[in-house]
N, C-alpha and C. Protein backbone atom coordinates (compact mmCIF):
# COMPACT_ATOMS: atom_id res chain seq x y z
N MET A 1 56.97 53.74 43.97
CA MET A 1 56.31 53.20 45.18
C MET A 1 55.88 51.80 44.93
N ILE A 2 55.24 51.47 43.87
CA ILE A 2 54.74 50.15 43.51
C ILE A 2 55.95 49.20 43.46
N ARG A 3 57.00 49.67 42.75
CA ARG A 3 58.18 48.85 42.64
C ARG A 3 58.79 48.50 44.02
N THR A 4 58.83 49.47 44.92
CA THR A 4 59.38 49.26 46.26
C THR A 4 58.49 48.23 47.00
N CYS A 5 57.14 48.32 46.87
CA CYS A 5 56.29 47.37 47.51
C CYS A 5 56.49 45.92 46.98
N LYS A 6 56.72 45.80 45.72
CA LYS A 6 56.93 44.52 45.11
C LYS A 6 58.20 43.93 45.62
N VAL A 7 59.28 44.74 45.66
CA VAL A 7 60.55 44.26 46.08
C VAL A 7 60.51 43.77 47.59
N LEU A 8 59.81 44.59 48.41
CA LEU A 8 59.67 44.25 49.82
C LEU A 8 58.83 42.98 50.03
N GLY A 9 57.75 42.92 49.20
CA GLY A 9 56.89 41.73 49.20
C GLY A 9 57.66 40.40 48.83
N ILE A 10 58.49 40.52 47.85
CA ILE A 10 59.24 39.40 47.37
C ILE A 10 60.26 38.98 48.48
N ALA A 11 60.90 40.02 48.96
CA ALA A 11 61.93 39.74 50.03
C ALA A 11 61.26 39.10 51.25
N LEU A 12 60.08 39.58 51.63
CA LEU A 12 59.34 38.93 52.70
C LEU A 12 59.00 37.53 52.47
N LEU A 13 58.48 37.22 51.23
CA LEU A 13 58.10 35.89 50.89
C LEU A 13 59.34 34.91 50.89
N LEU A 14 60.45 35.44 50.43
CA LEU A 14 61.62 34.58 50.47
C LEU A 14 62.22 34.37 51.82
N SER A 15 62.01 35.32 52.74
CA SER A 15 62.54 35.23 54.09
C SER A 15 61.76 34.19 54.97
N ILE A 16 60.47 34.03 54.71
CA ILE A 16 59.60 33.18 55.54
C ILE A 16 60.09 31.75 55.45
N PRO A 17 60.21 31.11 54.25
CA PRO A 17 60.73 29.75 54.21
C PRO A 17 62.05 29.55 54.85
N LEU A 18 62.96 30.51 54.67
CA LEU A 18 64.28 30.40 55.28
C LEU A 18 64.21 30.38 56.79
N SER A 19 63.36 31.25 57.39
CA SER A 19 63.26 31.27 58.86
C SER A 19 62.61 29.96 59.37
N ILE A 20 61.69 29.41 58.61
CA ILE A 20 61.07 28.17 59.05
C ILE A 20 62.11 27.02 59.04
N LEU A 21 62.90 27.01 57.98
CA LEU A 21 63.94 26.00 57.88
C LEU A 21 64.97 26.11 58.98
N ALA A 22 65.31 27.34 59.35
CA ALA A 22 66.27 27.58 60.39
C ALA A 22 65.79 27.15 61.72
N ALA A 23 64.44 27.26 61.97
CA ALA A 23 63.85 26.95 63.26
C ALA A 23 63.57 25.50 63.38
N ASP A 24 63.36 24.80 62.29
CA ASP A 24 62.91 23.37 62.35
C ASP A 24 64.15 22.47 62.29
N THR A 25 64.22 21.53 63.31
CA THR A 25 65.34 20.58 63.34
C THR A 25 64.99 19.39 62.44
N GLY A 26 63.81 19.32 61.97
CA GLY A 26 63.43 18.18 61.06
C GLY A 26 63.36 16.86 61.81
N GLY A 27 63.24 16.86 63.13
CA GLY A 27 63.17 15.60 63.81
C GLY A 27 64.53 14.90 63.91
N TYR A 28 65.63 15.62 63.74
CA TYR A 28 66.93 15.08 63.82
C TYR A 28 67.67 15.68 64.99
N PRO A 29 68.60 14.87 65.58
CA PRO A 29 69.42 15.40 66.66
C PRO A 29 70.33 16.54 66.21
N LYS A 30 70.67 17.38 67.09
CA LYS A 30 71.57 18.49 66.84
C LYS A 30 72.96 18.00 66.50
N VAL A 31 73.43 18.39 65.29
CA VAL A 31 74.73 18.05 64.84
C VAL A 31 75.76 18.72 65.64
N GLY A 32 76.81 17.98 66.16
CA GLY A 32 77.88 18.60 66.94
C GLY A 32 77.60 18.39 68.46
N LYS A 33 76.49 17.99 68.81
CA LYS A 33 76.17 17.67 70.21
C LYS A 33 77.08 16.60 70.73
N SER A 34 77.46 16.71 72.02
CA SER A 34 78.29 15.63 72.56
C SER A 34 77.83 15.24 73.94
N TRP A 35 78.26 14.02 74.35
CA TRP A 35 77.84 13.48 75.62
C TRP A 35 79.03 12.67 76.14
N THR A 36 78.90 12.25 77.44
CA THR A 36 79.88 11.41 78.00
C THR A 36 79.27 10.05 78.34
N VAL A 37 79.99 9.01 78.05
CA VAL A 37 79.56 7.67 78.33
C VAL A 37 80.70 6.90 79.02
N THR A 38 80.35 6.06 79.95
CA THR A 38 81.36 5.18 80.60
C THR A 38 81.02 3.77 80.39
N PHE A 39 81.99 3.05 79.82
CA PHE A 39 81.87 1.61 79.60
C PHE A 39 82.53 0.93 80.83
N THR A 40 81.77 0.07 81.48
CA THR A 40 82.36 -0.67 82.61
C THR A 40 83.05 -1.90 82.17
N GLU A 41 82.81 -2.30 80.89
CA GLU A 41 83.54 -3.46 80.32
C GLU A 41 83.95 -3.04 78.93
N PRO A 42 84.94 -3.79 78.28
CA PRO A 42 85.32 -3.48 76.95
C PRO A 42 84.08 -3.61 76.03
N ALA A 43 84.04 -2.82 74.92
CA ALA A 43 82.87 -2.86 74.02
C ALA A 43 83.37 -2.60 72.61
N LYS A 44 82.90 -3.42 71.73
CA LYS A 44 83.16 -3.17 70.31
C LYS A 44 82.25 -2.09 69.79
N VAL A 45 82.79 -1.06 69.20
CA VAL A 45 82.03 0.06 68.58
C VAL A 45 82.51 0.15 67.19
N GLY A 46 81.65 -0.18 66.26
CA GLY A 46 82.05 -0.29 64.83
C GLY A 46 83.14 -1.41 64.70
N SER A 47 84.23 -1.03 64.21
CA SER A 47 85.35 -2.02 64.04
C SER A 47 86.36 -1.93 65.21
N ALA A 48 86.19 -0.96 66.12
CA ALA A 48 87.18 -0.78 67.20
C ALA A 48 86.68 -1.46 68.53
N LEU A 49 87.58 -2.12 69.23
CA LEU A 49 87.32 -2.63 70.53
C LEU A 49 87.83 -1.61 71.56
N LEU A 50 86.88 -0.96 72.23
CA LEU A 50 87.21 0.13 73.23
C LEU A 50 87.37 -0.53 74.58
N PRO A 51 88.43 -0.26 75.34
CA PRO A 51 88.53 -0.72 76.68
C PRO A 51 87.58 -0.02 77.61
N ALA A 52 87.36 -0.63 78.75
CA ALA A 52 86.50 0.02 79.77
C ALA A 52 87.04 1.36 80.02
N GLY A 53 86.13 2.39 80.23
CA GLY A 53 86.55 3.75 80.55
C GLY A 53 85.56 4.74 80.11
N GLU A 54 85.96 6.05 80.23
CA GLU A 54 85.03 7.11 79.95
C GLU A 54 85.38 7.69 78.52
N TYR A 55 84.30 7.97 77.74
CA TYR A 55 84.50 8.49 76.38
C TYR A 55 83.57 9.68 76.17
N ARG A 56 84.04 10.60 75.42
CA ARG A 56 83.17 11.69 74.93
C ARG A 56 82.63 11.23 73.58
N VAL A 57 81.38 11.32 73.38
CA VAL A 57 80.82 10.93 72.13
C VAL A 57 80.18 12.12 71.43
N GLN A 58 80.52 12.30 70.20
CA GLN A 58 80.05 13.45 69.44
C GLN A 58 79.27 12.98 68.21
N HIS A 59 78.08 13.61 68.05
CA HIS A 59 77.25 13.27 66.88
C HIS A 59 77.58 14.21 65.71
N LEU A 60 77.92 13.66 64.57
CA LEU A 60 78.28 14.38 63.35
C LEU A 60 77.34 13.96 62.22
N LYS A 61 77.32 14.75 61.21
CA LYS A 61 76.64 14.43 59.97
C LYS A 61 77.64 14.57 58.86
N GLU A 62 77.89 13.51 58.14
CA GLU A 62 78.80 13.50 56.99
C GLU A 62 77.99 13.15 55.77
N GLY A 63 77.66 14.13 54.93
CA GLY A 63 76.74 13.94 53.88
C GLY A 63 75.39 13.56 54.41
N ASP A 64 74.83 12.48 54.00
CA ASP A 64 73.60 11.95 54.46
C ASP A 64 73.73 11.08 55.68
N ALA A 65 74.94 10.73 56.08
CA ALA A 65 75.19 9.75 57.14
C ALA A 65 75.30 10.44 58.50
N HIS A 66 74.71 9.85 59.50
CA HIS A 66 74.88 10.29 60.90
C HIS A 66 76.06 9.40 61.41
N VAL A 67 76.98 10.09 62.14
CA VAL A 67 78.09 9.36 62.65
C VAL A 67 78.31 9.71 64.13
N LEU A 68 78.70 8.74 64.92
CA LEU A 68 79.02 8.91 66.35
C LEU A 68 80.54 8.74 66.43
N VAL A 69 81.23 9.70 67.01
CA VAL A 69 82.70 9.58 67.17
C VAL A 69 82.94 9.47 68.71
N PHE A 70 83.64 8.37 69.08
CA PHE A 70 83.97 8.12 70.47
C PHE A 70 85.42 8.57 70.66
N LYS A 71 85.64 9.50 71.64
CA LYS A 71 86.95 10.00 71.96
C LYS A 71 87.40 9.77 73.36
N ALA A 72 88.66 9.44 73.51
CA ALA A 72 89.28 9.43 74.86
C ALA A 72 90.27 10.47 74.85
N GLY A 73 90.20 11.47 75.78
CA GLY A 73 91.06 12.66 75.65
C GLY A 73 90.62 13.36 74.34
N ASN A 74 91.60 13.76 73.52
CA ASN A 74 91.25 14.45 72.28
C ASN A 74 91.46 13.48 71.09
N LYS A 75 91.66 12.19 71.32
CA LYS A 75 91.92 11.29 70.25
C LYS A 75 90.69 10.42 69.94
N ALA A 76 90.30 10.40 68.66
CA ALA A 76 89.13 9.56 68.27
C ALA A 76 89.54 8.18 68.33
N LYS A 77 88.74 7.33 69.05
CA LYS A 77 89.03 5.92 69.23
C LYS A 77 88.14 5.04 68.35
N ALA A 78 86.93 5.61 67.98
CA ALA A 78 86.04 4.81 67.18
C ALA A 78 85.11 5.80 66.44
N ARG A 79 84.71 5.46 65.24
CA ARG A 79 83.73 6.13 64.43
C ARG A 79 82.71 5.11 63.89
N VAL A 80 81.45 5.38 64.03
CA VAL A 80 80.52 4.44 63.62
C VAL A 80 79.25 5.21 63.06
N THR A 81 78.79 4.72 61.93
CA THR A 81 77.54 5.37 61.41
C THR A 81 76.34 4.85 62.21
N CYS A 82 75.28 5.68 62.23
CA CYS A 82 74.14 5.28 62.99
C CYS A 82 72.82 5.85 62.31
N LYS A 83 71.75 5.24 62.70
CA LYS A 83 70.44 5.80 62.33
C LYS A 83 69.87 6.32 63.60
N THR A 84 69.23 7.50 63.50
CA THR A 84 68.64 8.14 64.70
C THR A 84 67.08 7.89 64.64
N GLU A 85 66.54 7.72 65.84
CA GLU A 85 65.10 7.53 65.96
C GLU A 85 64.64 8.42 67.12
N GLU A 86 63.62 9.27 66.83
CA GLU A 86 63.17 10.17 67.82
C GLU A 86 62.24 9.41 68.80
N GLN A 87 62.46 9.65 70.12
CA GLN A 87 61.69 9.05 71.14
C GLN A 87 60.56 10.02 71.65
N ALA A 88 59.61 9.47 72.33
CA ALA A 88 58.50 10.32 72.76
C ALA A 88 58.90 11.38 73.74
N SER A 89 59.98 11.15 74.60
CA SER A 89 60.41 12.12 75.52
C SER A 89 61.93 11.95 75.75
N LYS A 90 62.50 12.91 76.43
CA LYS A 90 63.95 12.87 76.70
C LYS A 90 64.22 11.74 77.66
N SER A 91 65.39 11.11 77.52
CA SER A 91 65.72 10.02 78.39
C SER A 91 66.27 10.54 79.73
N ASP A 92 65.91 9.87 80.77
CA ASP A 92 66.33 10.29 82.13
C ASP A 92 67.68 9.70 82.49
N ARG A 93 68.24 8.85 81.60
CA ARG A 93 69.53 8.25 81.85
C ARG A 93 70.13 7.69 80.57
N THR A 94 71.38 7.48 80.51
CA THR A 94 72.07 6.89 79.35
C THR A 94 71.83 5.38 79.36
N MET A 95 71.36 4.88 78.26
CA MET A 95 71.03 3.44 78.16
C MET A 95 71.72 2.84 76.87
N ALA A 96 72.36 1.76 77.07
CA ALA A 96 73.01 1.14 75.85
C ALA A 96 72.56 -0.29 75.74
N LEU A 97 72.40 -0.77 74.51
CA LEU A 97 72.03 -2.15 74.26
C LEU A 97 73.24 -2.82 73.55
N TYR A 98 73.53 -4.03 74.00
CA TYR A 98 74.66 -4.75 73.47
C TYR A 98 74.26 -6.05 72.84
N GLY A 99 75.09 -6.59 71.97
CA GLY A 99 75.01 -7.96 71.46
C GLY A 99 76.37 -8.52 71.61
N HIS A 100 76.63 -9.70 71.03
CA HIS A 100 77.91 -10.29 71.13
C HIS A 100 78.28 -10.82 69.73
N ASN A 101 79.60 -10.76 69.37
CA ASN A 101 79.99 -11.33 68.10
C ASN A 101 80.54 -12.73 68.26
N ASP A 102 81.00 -13.36 67.21
CA ASP A 102 81.47 -14.72 67.29
C ASP A 102 82.68 -14.92 68.17
N ALA A 103 83.45 -13.79 68.39
CA ALA A 103 84.60 -13.86 69.28
C ALA A 103 84.21 -13.65 70.74
N GLY A 104 82.88 -13.47 71.02
CA GLY A 104 82.49 -13.30 72.37
C GLY A 104 82.62 -11.83 72.89
N GLU A 105 82.89 -10.89 71.99
CA GLU A 105 83.09 -9.51 72.39
C GLU A 105 81.70 -8.81 72.49
N ARG A 106 81.55 -7.94 73.47
CA ARG A 106 80.31 -7.15 73.58
C ARG A 106 80.34 -6.14 72.42
N VAL A 107 79.27 -6.06 71.71
CA VAL A 107 79.08 -5.14 70.54
C VAL A 107 78.01 -4.11 70.85
N LEU A 108 78.39 -2.87 70.87
CA LEU A 108 77.38 -1.83 71.12
C LEU A 108 76.46 -1.71 69.89
N ARG A 109 75.16 -1.92 70.14
CA ARG A 109 74.17 -1.88 69.03
C ARG A 109 73.31 -0.63 68.99
N SER A 110 73.06 -0.06 70.19
CA SER A 110 72.18 1.07 70.30
C SER A 110 72.46 1.80 71.60
N ILE A 111 72.31 3.19 71.47
CA ILE A 111 72.55 3.98 72.71
C ILE A 111 71.67 5.21 72.63
N VAL A 112 71.11 5.54 73.77
CA VAL A 112 70.38 6.79 73.96
C VAL A 112 71.03 7.48 75.14
N PHE A 113 71.28 8.80 75.02
CA PHE A 113 71.99 9.51 76.04
C PHE A 113 71.06 10.30 76.98
N GLU A 114 71.44 10.39 78.23
CA GLU A 114 70.65 11.15 79.23
C GLU A 114 70.42 12.56 78.70
N GLY A 115 69.14 12.96 78.85
CA GLY A 115 68.75 14.31 78.39
C GLY A 115 68.51 14.43 76.93
N ASP A 116 68.61 13.38 76.14
CA ASP A 116 68.47 13.38 74.73
C ASP A 116 67.14 12.69 74.37
N ARG A 117 66.54 13.06 73.25
CA ARG A 117 65.29 12.39 72.89
C ARG A 117 65.46 11.53 71.60
N PHE A 118 66.71 11.16 71.27
CA PHE A 118 67.02 10.39 70.09
C PHE A 118 67.83 9.11 70.51
N SER A 119 67.39 8.00 69.98
CA SER A 119 68.18 6.81 70.10
C SER A 119 69.07 6.69 68.91
N HIS A 120 70.24 6.12 69.05
CA HIS A 120 71.20 5.97 67.94
C HIS A 120 71.40 4.47 67.73
N GLU A 121 70.89 4.00 66.63
CA GLU A 121 71.08 2.56 66.24
C GLU A 121 72.34 2.43 65.42
N LEU A 122 73.37 1.82 65.97
CA LEU A 122 74.67 1.76 65.37
C LEU A 122 74.75 0.71 64.26
N ALA A 123 75.51 1.04 63.27
CA ALA A 123 75.81 0.02 62.22
C ALA A 123 76.79 -0.96 62.83
N VAL A 124 76.46 -2.27 62.85
CA VAL A 124 77.24 -3.29 63.39
C VAL A 124 77.56 -4.31 62.34
N PRO A 125 78.75 -4.92 62.46
CA PRO A 125 79.12 -6.00 61.57
C PRO A 125 78.00 -7.07 61.39
N SER A 126 77.86 -7.63 60.29
CA SER A 126 76.76 -8.60 60.03
C SER A 126 76.89 -9.80 60.92
N ARG A 127 78.12 -10.13 61.46
CA ARG A 127 78.26 -11.32 62.28
C ARG A 127 77.94 -11.09 63.73
N ALA A 128 77.62 -9.83 64.10
CA ALA A 128 77.28 -9.55 65.48
C ALA A 128 75.82 -9.98 65.71
N ARG A 129 75.51 -10.59 66.74
CA ARG A 129 74.15 -11.06 67.03
C ARG A 129 73.60 -10.39 68.28
N ALA A 130 72.27 -10.23 68.32
CA ALA A 130 71.67 -9.68 69.51
C ALA A 130 71.53 -10.74 70.51
N ASP A 131 71.59 -10.36 71.81
CA ASP A 131 71.42 -11.33 72.90
C ASP A 131 69.97 -11.35 73.34
């Protein structure tokens, strides 16, 4: 009887931290989540210049890196690492911030998606400047 109580007690103690970890997102966006974004003008995303149009954007985690993948149809058109920052509340619309590079191309620097509470600060080439 005592042995059974000890085994049950240990099992209970081990299950509590696991359930807490499973429930806690750790202040990070859900991996695998996707959104739709429409560019009205061409935009440089990472090293790719994307033409104006609609893209499905998926948030992935590769090792310690957060990655946004921009797809047109089923084909990935751009991949860029990003840092996420939790906002005080969910965004009521998709908002993007751009800069320009030396070639005059619009460079996507940051994006927050409608209904999401995380902004995504994109890794941009060092020659891209904020406007």
